[in-house]
């Protein structure tokens, strides 16, 4: 059986520019104002921000996009998510602190996050957090939950079907791929409609199409599934 080559492909990384906002324009504009290259370090507000919403609403995309934007500007950023089992100590060089999926933090991660918050306040650093619920509903230690709710809070909405179609078409175009209406219909009917899952599917299709030198068609999708 032919195996897919998983280390090739032309997937674009998360950026603020390739985030399709839909009803989430306010959150995107807030992050662009804070982390965009046109914003100087001296004019950035240290008031924390928090975004929340269901899986697939774009939380991780936005946090990674902010991280990438700041890194491109030469900034060092602190990052914490549930996969970081041994969180480091706060680093004074950090220009910002990003915390993803805070609702999944264990006790040690919550302790580290709180300490980061305290130091961020002392050093006037921005904190951007993301979770699946508003701060008041998070099952976290009280002092951390309170701090996550201190500043700007944005609720993210899932994209509707037309918006998901637009994102798939736009991403395919960015990769130089032709994605027909029939293929999009098939993807939406046969696979999870979660945008993250759809983008992962497109990534696999892109790689398989490159490997087999075929266009993106329904038979290609079926062939890829047979080779998984």
C-alpha atoms as a PDB file:
ATOM      1  CA  UNK A   1       0.000   0.000   0.000  1.00  0.00           C
ATOM      2  CA  UNK A   2       1.341   3.410  -0.961  1.00  0.00           C
ATOM      3  CA  UNK A   3       1.901   5.656   2.026  1.00  0.00           C
ATOM      4  CA  UNK A   4       1.226   9.389   2.151  1.00  0.00           C
ATOM      5  CA  UNK A   5       4.271  11.603   2.500  1.00  0.00           C
ATOM      6  CA  UNK A   6       3.425  13.824   5.446  1.00  0.00           C
ATOM      7  CA  UNK A   7       6.442  16.141   5.515  1.00  0.00           C
ATOM      8  CA  UNK A   8       5.690  17.977   2.274  1.00  0.00           C
ATOM      9  CA  UNK A   9       2.997  20.376   1.209  1.00  0.00           C
ATOM     10  CA  UNK A  10       2.357  24.071   0.894  1.00  0.00           C
ATOM     11  CA  UNK A  11       0.168  24.721   3.927  1.00  0.00           C
ATOM     12  CA  UNK A  12       0.245  28.300   5.116  1.00  0.00           C
ATOM     13  CA  UNK A  13       0.766  28.879   8.807  1.00  0.00           C
ATOM     14  CA  UNK A  14      -1.702  30.782  10.979  1.00  0.00           C
ATOM     15  CA  UNK A  15      -1.484  34.541  10.463  1.00  0.00           C
ATOM     16  CA  UNK A  16      -3.737  37.453  11.275  1.00  0.00           C
ATOM     17  CA  UNK A  17      -4.025  38.051   7.541  1.00  0.00           C
ATOM     18  CA  UNK A  18      -5.327  34.582   6.663  1.00  0.00           C
ATOM     19  CA  UNK A  19      -7.843  34.399   9.517  1.00  0.00           C
ATOM     20  CA  UNK A  20     -11.357  34.536   8.073  1.00  0.00           C
ATOM     21  CA  UNK A  21     -13.277  36.464  10.747  1.00  0.00           C
ATOM     22  CA  UNK A  22     -16.928  36.067   9.792  1.00  0.00           C
ATOM     23  CA  UNK A  23     -18.763  37.392  12.849  1.00  0.00           C
ATOM     24  CA  UNK A  24     -15.458  37.679  14.747  1.00  0.00           C
ATOM     25  CA  UNK A  25     -14.263  40.905  13.147  1.00  0.00           C
ATOM     26  CA  UNK A  26     -14.075  42.789  16.462  1.00  0.00           C
ATOM     27  CA  UNK A  27     -11.729  40.220  18.006  1.00  0.00           C
ATOM     28  CA  UNK A  28      -9.516  40.158  14.930  1.00  0.00           C
ATOM     29  CA  UNK A  29      -9.276  43.956  14.775  1.00  0.00           C
ATOM     30  CA  UNK A  30      -8.362  44.084  18.467  1.00  0.00           C
ATOM     31  CA  UNK A  31      -5.499  41.643  17.963  1.00  0.00           C
ATOM     32  CA  UNK A  32      -4.352  43.397  14.795  1.00  0.00           C
ATOM     33  CA  UNK A  33      -4.210  46.692  16.671  1.00  0.00           C
ATOM     34  CA  UNK A  34      -2.189  45.127  19.463  1.00  0.00           C
ATOM     35  CA  UNK A  35       0.146  42.775  17.619  1.00  0.00           C
ATOM     36  CA  UNK A  36       0.332  44.302  14.146  1.00  0.00           C
ATOM     37  CA  UNK A  37       3.714  45.490  12.876  1.00  0.00           C
ATOM     38  CA  UNK A  38       2.445  49.067  12.690  1.00  0.00           C
ATOM     39  CA  UNK A  39       1.956  49.131  16.477  1.00  0.00           C
ATOM     40  CA  UNK A  40       5.066  50.140  18.404  1.00  0.00           C
ATOM     41  CA  UNK A  41       6.097  48.522  21.672  1.00  0.00           C
ATOM     42  CA  UNK A  42       5.638  51.817  23.507  1.00  0.00           C
ATOM     43  CA  UNK A  43       1.999  52.194  22.459  1.00  0.00           C
ATOM     44  CA  UNK A  44       0.858  48.657  23.261  1.00  0.00           C
ATOM     45  CA  UNK A  45      -1.511  48.450  26.187  1.00  0.00           C
ATOM     46  CA  UNK A  46      -0.712  45.903  28.940  1.00  0.00           C
ATOM     47  CA  UNK A  47      -4.431  45.351  29.628  1.00  0.00           C
ATOM     48  CA  UNK A  48      -5.032  41.574  29.283  1.00  0.00           C
ATOM     49  CA  UNK A  49      -7.271  40.084  26.621  1.00  0.00           C
ATOM     50  CA  UNK A  50      -9.253  36.853  26.559  1.00  0.00           C
ATOM     51  CA  UNK A  51     -11.026  35.089  23.688  1.00  0.00           C
ATOM     52  CA  UNK A  52     -13.377  32.177  24.108  1.00  0.00           C
ATOM     53  CA  UNK A  53     -15.593  29.996  21.991  1.00  0.00           C
ATOM     54  CA  UNK A  54     -16.285  26.419  20.886  1.00  0.00           C
ATOM     55  CA  UNK A  55     -13.740  24.148  19.236  1.00  0.00           C
ATOM     56  CA  UNK A  56     -13.138  25.236  15.663  1.00  0.00           C
ATOM     57  CA  UNK A  57     -13.902  28.910  16.232  1.00  0.00           C
ATOM     58  CA  UNK A  58     -10.295  29.960  15.628  1.00  0.00           C
ATOM     59  CA  UNK A  59      -8.831  30.511  19.102  1.00  0.00           C
ATOM     60  CA  UNK A  60      -5.577  28.640  18.545  1.00  0.00           C
ATOM     61  CA  UNK A  61      -5.199  30.120  15.069  1.00  0.00           C
ATOM     62  CA  UNK A  62      -5.386  33.623  16.516  1.00  0.00           C
ATOM     63  CA  UNK A  63      -2.943  32.950  19.349  1.00  0.00           C
ATOM     64  CA  UNK A  64      -0.412  31.370  17.005  1.00  0.00           C
ATOM     65  CA  UNK A  65      -0.924  34.238  14.557  1.00  0.00           C
ATOM     66  CA  UNK A  66      -0.208  36.782  17.293  1.00  0.00           C
ATOM     67  CA  UNK A  67       2.886  34.837  18.319  1.00  0.00           C
ATOM     68  CA  UNK A  68       4.139  34.760  14.741  1.00  0.00           C
ATOM     69  CA  UNK A  69       3.450  38.460  14.218  1.00  0.00           C
ATOM     70  CA  UNK A  70       5.392  39.394  17.345  1.00  0.00           C
ATOM     71  CA  UNK A  71       8.254  37.048  16.487  1.00  0.00           C
ATOM     72  CA  UNK A  72       8.544  38.629  13.047  1.00  0.00           C
ATOM     73  CA  UNK A  73       9.023  41.920  14.855  1.00  0.00           C
ATOM     74  CA  UNK A  74      11.865  40.453  16.895  1.00  0.00           C
ATOM     75  CA  UNK A  75       9.889  39.993  20.109  1.00  0.00           C
ATOM     76  CA  UNK A  76      10.239  37.059  22.498  1.00  0.00           C
ATOM     77  CA  UNK A  77       6.898  35.612  23.620  1.00  0.00           C
ATOM     78  CA  UNK A  78       5.903  33.335  26.480  1.00  0.00           C
ATOM     79  CA  UNK A  79       3.594  30.473  25.466  1.00  0.00           C
ATOM     80  CA  UNK A  80       1.643  28.043  27.628  1.00  0.00           C
ATOM     81  CA  UNK A  81      -0.816  25.349  26.596  1.00  0.00           C
ATOM     82  CA  UNK A  82      -1.870  21.998  28.135  1.00  0.00           C
ATOM     83  CA  UNK A  83       0.959  20.154  26.356  1.00  0.00           C
ATOM     84  CA  UNK A  84       3.565  22.124  28.341  1.00  0.00           C
ATOM     85  CA  UNK A  85       3.880  19.790  31.320  1.00  0.00           C
ATOM     86  CA  UNK A  86       6.735  21.687  32.984  1.00  0.00           C
ATOM     87  CA  UNK A  87       6.056  25.404  32.453  1.00  0.00           C
ATOM     88  CA  UNK A  88       9.158  27.602  32.629  1.00  0.00           C
ATOM     89  CA  UNK A  89       9.562  30.547  34.951  1.00  0.00           C
ATOM     90  CA  UNK A  90       8.494  33.991  33.765  1.00  0.00           C
ATOM     91  CA  UNK A  91      11.096  35.593  31.499  1.00  0.00           C
ATOM     92  CA  UNK A  92      11.537  39.361  31.668  1.00  0.00           C
ATOM     93  CA  UNK A  93      12.415  39.383  27.976  1.00  0.00           C
ATOM     94  CA  UNK A  94       8.900  38.337  27.023  1.00  0.00           C
ATOM     95  CA  UNK A  95       6.978  41.068  25.239  1.00  0.00           C
ATOM     96  CA  UNK A  96       3.706  39.179  25.783  1.00  0.00           C
ATOM     97  CA  UNK A  97       2.275  36.008  27.313  1.00  0.00           C
ATOM     98  CA  UNK A  98      -0.034  33.726  25.341  1.00  0.00           C
ATOM     99  CA  UNK A  99      -2.087  31.013  27.053  1.00  0.00           C
ATOM    100  CA  UNK A 100      -4.104  28.602  24.925  1.00  0.00           C
ATOM    101  CA  UNK A 101      -6.836  26.183  26.074  1.00  0.00           C
ATOM    102  CA  UNK A 102      -6.691  27.464  29.638  1.00  0.00           C
ATOM    103  CA  UNK A 103      -9.774  25.385  30.499  1.00  0.00           C
ATOM    104  CA  UNK A 104      -7.545  22.296  30.248  1.00  0.00           C
ATOM    105  CA  UNK A 105      -4.735  23.536  32.498  1.00  0.00           C
ATOM    106  CA  UNK A 106      -3.780  21.183  35.323  1.00  0.00           C
ATOM    107  CA  UNK A 107      -2.878  22.405  38.811  1.00  0.00           C
ATOM    108  CA  UNK A 108       0.799  22.988  37.977  1.00  0.00           C
ATOM    109  CA  UNK A 109      -0.057  24.876  34.789  1.00  0.00           C
ATOM    110  CA  UNK A 110      -2.596  27.011  36.632  1.00  0.00           C
ATOM    111  CA  UNK A 111       0.020  27.837  39.258  1.00  0.00           C
ATOM    112  CA  UNK A 112       2.503  28.845  36.553  1.00  0.00           C
ATOM    113  CA  UNK A 113      -0.138  30.862  34.698  1.00  0.00           C
ATOM    114  CA  UNK A 114      -0.991  32.794  37.842  1.00  0.00           C
ATOM    115  CA  UNK A 115       2.693  33.551  38.520  1.00  0.00           C
ATOM    116  CA  UNK A 116       3.083  34.687  34.907  1.00  0.00           C
ATOM    117  CA  UNK A 117       0.096  36.988  35.359  1.00  0.00           C
ATOM    118  CA  UNK A 118       1.589  38.534  38.490  1.00  0.00           C
ATOM    119  CA  UNK A 119       4.915  39.151  36.773  1.00  0.00           C
ATOM    120  CA  UNK A 120       3.189  40.444  33.648  1.00  0.00           C
ATOM    121  CA  UNK A 121       1.441  43.039  35.764  1.00  0.00           C
ATOM    122  CA  UNK A 122       4.735  44.039  37.393  1.00  0.00           C
ATOM    123  CA  UNK A 123       6.593  44.311  34.096  1.00  0.00           C
ATOM    124  CA  UNK A 124       3.644  45.771  32.155  1.00  0.00           C
ATOM    125  CA  UNK A 125       3.388  42.846  29.747  1.00  0.00           C
ATOM    126  CA  UNK A 126       0.291  41.899  27.765  1.00  0.00           C
ATOM    127  CA  UNK A 127      -1.468  38.593  28.433  1.00  0.00           C
ATOM    128  CA  UNK A 128      -3.689  36.951  25.829  1.00  0.00           C
ATOM    129  CA  UNK A 129      -5.636  33.896  26.964  1.00  0.00           C
ATOM    130  CA  UNK A 130      -8.072  31.570  25.233  1.00  0.00           C
ATOM    131  CA  UNK A 131     -10.544  28.986  26.499  1.00  0.00           C
ATOM    132  CA  UNK A 132     -13.850  27.313  25.753  1.00  0.00           C
ATOM    133  CA  UNK A 133     -15.930  29.403  28.174  1.00  0.00           C
ATOM    134  CA  UNK A 134     -16.096  32.950  29.545  1.00  0.00           C
ATOM    135  CA  UNK A 135     -13.765  33.564  32.508  1.00  0.00           C
ATOM    136  CA  UNK A 136     -16.536  33.365  35.116  1.00  0.00           C
ATOM    137  CA  UNK A 137     -17.433  29.838  33.972  1.00  0.00           C
ATOM    138  CA  UNK A 138     -13.918  28.381  33.850  1.00  0.00           C
ATOM    139  CA  UNK A 139     -13.186  25.593  36.318  1.00  0.00           C
ATOM    140  CA  UNK A 140      -9.891  27.134  37.370  1.00  0.00           C
ATOM    141  CA  UNK A 141      -8.454  28.493  40.618  1.00  0.00           C
ATOM    142  CA  UNK A 142     -10.197  31.716  41.570  1.00  0.00           C
ATOM    143  CA  UNK A 143      -7.196  34.038  41.316  1.00  0.00           C
ATOM    144  CA  UNK A 144      -6.375  32.889  37.767  1.00  0.00           C
ATOM    145  CA  UNK A 145     -10.002  32.965  36.620  1.00  0.00           C
ATOM    146  CA  UNK A 146     -10.355  36.513  37.980  1.00  0.00           C
ATOM    147  CA  UNK A 147      -7.275  37.741  36.152  1.00  0.00           C
ATOM    148  CA  UNK A 148      -8.381  36.204  32.860  1.00  0.00           C
ATOM    149  CA  UNK A 149     -11.522  38.322  33.158  1.00  0.00           C
ATOM    150  CA  UNK A 150      -9.777  41.596  33.987  1.00  0.00           C
ATOM    151  CA  UNK A 151      -9.567  43.111  30.523  1.00  0.00           C
ATOM    152  CA  UNK A 152     -10.914  42.783  26.993  1.00  0.00           C
ATOM    153  CA  UNK A 153     -13.111  39.723  26.424  1.00  0.00           C
ATOM    154  CA  UNK A 154     -14.302  38.497  23.025  1.00  0.00           C
ATOM    155  CA  UNK A 155     -16.647  35.588  22.300  1.00  0.00           C
ATOM    156  CA  UNK A 156     -15.829  33.843  19.015  1.00  0.00           C
ATOM    157  CA  UNK A 157     -18.562  32.415  16.804  1.00  0.00           C
ATOM    158  CA  UNK A 158     -18.290  29.426  14.500  1.00  0.00           C
ATOM    159  CA  UNK A 159     -18.357  30.210  10.791  1.00  0.00           C
ATOM    160  CA  UNK A 160     -21.539  29.340   8.924  1.00  0.00           C
ATOM    161  CA  UNK A 161     -21.469  26.987   5.926  1.00  0.00           C
ATOM    162  CA  UNK A 162     -21.029  29.714   3.313  1.00  0.00           C
ATOM    163  CA  UNK A 163     -18.128  31.145   5.300  1.00  0.00           C
ATOM    164  CA  UNK A 164     -16.502  27.720   5.635  1.00  0.00           C
ATOM    165  CA  UNK A 165     -16.801  27.283   1.892  1.00  0.00           C
ATOM    166  CA  UNK A 166     -15.134  30.654   1.370  1.00  0.00           C
ATOM    167  CA  UNK A 167     -12.268  29.724   3.696  1.00  0.00           C
ATOM    168  CA  UNK A 168     -11.663  26.413   1.928  1.00  0.00           C
ATOM    169  CA  UNK A 169     -11.691  28.090  -1.484  1.00  0.00           C
ATOM    170  CA  UNK A 170      -9.387  30.857  -0.293  1.00  0.00           C
ATOM    171  CA  UNK A 171      -6.899  28.449   1.280  1.00  0.00           C
ATOM    172  CA  UNK A 172      -6.920  26.230  -1.812  1.00  0.00           C
ATOM    173  CA  UNK A 173      -6.283  29.266  -4.010  1.00  0.00           C
ATOM    174  CA  UNK A 174      -3.391  30.324  -1.760  1.00  0.00           C
ATOM    175  CA  UNK A 175      -1.864  26.877  -2.306  1.00  0.00           C
ATOM    176  CA  UNK A 176      -2.333  27.127  -6.082  1.00  0.00           C
ATOM    177  CA  UNK A 177      -5.011  24.435  -6.052  1.00  0.00           C
ATOM    178  CA  UNK A 178      -8.315  24.239  -7.871  1.00  0.00           C
ATOM    179  CA  UNK A 179     -11.137  23.208  -5.541  1.00  0.00           C
ATOM    180  CA  UNK A 180     -14.419  22.617  -7.338  1.00  0.00           C
ATOM    181  CA  UNK A 181     -17.847  23.180  -5.832  1.00  0.00           C
ATOM    182  CA  UNK A 182     -18.464  19.430  -6.058  1.00  0.00           C
ATOM    183  CA  UNK A 183     -15.357  18.654  -4.012  1.00  0.00           C
ATOM    184  CA  UNK A 184     -16.295  21.236  -1.377  1.00  0.00           C
ATOM    185  CA  UNK A 185     -19.800  19.745  -1.186  1.00  0.00           C
ATOM    186  CA  UNK A 186     -18.294  16.290  -0.702  1.00  0.00           C
ATOM    187  CA  UNK A 187     -15.952  17.498   2.036  1.00  0.00           C
ATOM    188  CA  UNK A 188     -18.738  19.215   3.931  1.00  0.00           C
ATOM    189  CA  UNK A 189     -21.095  16.252   3.655  1.00  0.00           C
ATOM    190  CA  UNK A 190     -18.674  13.436   4.423  1.00  0.00           C
ATOM    191  CA  UNK A 191     -16.338  14.965   7.008  1.00  0.00           C
ATOM    192  CA  UNK A 192     -16.467  17.028  10.168  1.00  0.00           C
ATOM    193  CA  UNK A 193     -17.606  20.585   9.508  1.00  0.00           C
ATOM    194  CA  UNK A 194     -15.239  21.862  12.165  1.00  0.00           C
ATOM    195  CA  UNK A 195     -13.018  24.351  10.337  1.00  0.00           C
ATOM    196  CA  UNK A 196      -9.844  23.029  11.920  1.00  0.00           C
ATOM    197  CA  UNK A 197     -10.677  19.507  10.754  1.00  0.00           C
ATOM    198  CA  UNK A 198     -11.518  20.761   7.268  1.00  0.00           C
ATOM    199  CA  UNK A 199      -8.216  22.606   6.990  1.00  0.00           C
ATOM    200  CA  UNK A 200      -6.364  19.497   8.153  1.00  0.00           C
ATOM    201  CA  UNK A 201      -8.219  17.494   5.508  1.00  0.00           C
ATOM    202  CA  UNK A 202      -7.243  20.040   2.850  1.00  0.00           C
ATOM    203  CA  UNK A 203      -3.638  19.792   4.003  1.00  0.00           C
ATOM    204  CA  UNK A 204      -3.677  15.997   3.616  1.00  0.00           C
ATOM    205  CA  UNK A 205      -5.347  16.300   0.208  1.00  0.00           C
ATOM    206  CA  UNK A 206      -2.745  18.815  -0.920  1.00  0.00           C
ATOM    207  CA  UNK A 207       0.071  16.472   0.074  1.00  0.00           C
ATOM    208  CA  UNK A 208      -1.554  13.416  -1.482  1.00  0.00           C
ATOM    209  CA  UNK A 209      -2.266  15.317  -4.701  1.00  0.00           C
ATOM    210  CA  UNK A 210       1.390  16.378  -4.871  1.00  0.00           C
ATOM    211  CA  UNK A 211       2.542  12.828  -4.258  1.00  0.00           C
ATOM    212  CA  UNK A 212       0.262  11.300  -6.870  1.00  0.00           C
ATOM    213  CA  UNK A 213       0.423  14.232  -9.312  1.00  0.00           C
ATOM    214  CA  UNK A 214      -3.367  14.421  -9.525  1.00  0.00           C
ATOM    215  CA  UNK A 215      -5.901  17.199  -9.195  1.00  0.00           C
ATOM    216  CA  UNK A 216      -8.227  17.594  -6.230  1.00  0.00           C
ATOM    217  CA  UNK A 217     -11.226  15.483  -7.136  1.00  0.00           C
ATOM    218  CA  UNK A 218     -13.689  13.269  -5.320  1.00  0.00           C
ATOM    219  CA  UNK A 219     -11.919  10.119  -6.617  1.00  0.00           C
ATOM    220  CA  UNK A 220      -8.672  11.526  -5.212  1.00  0.00           C
ATOM    221  CA  UNK A 221     -10.275  11.912  -1.783  1.00  0.00           C
ATOM    222  CA  UNK A 222     -11.555   8.341  -1.894  1.00  0.00           C
ATOM    223  CA  UNK A 223      -8.156   7.097  -3.031  1.00  0.00           C
ATOM    224  CA  UNK A 224      -6.433   8.969  -0.209  1.00  0.00           C
ATOM    225  CA  UNK A 225      -8.766   7.416   2.366  1.00  0.00           C
ATOM    226  CA  UNK A 226      -7.988   3.945   0.987  1.00  0.00           C
ATOM    227  CA  UNK A 227      -4.281   4.622   1.487  1.00  0.00           C
ATOM    228  CA  UNK A 228      -4.530   5.841   5.074  1.00  0.00           C
END
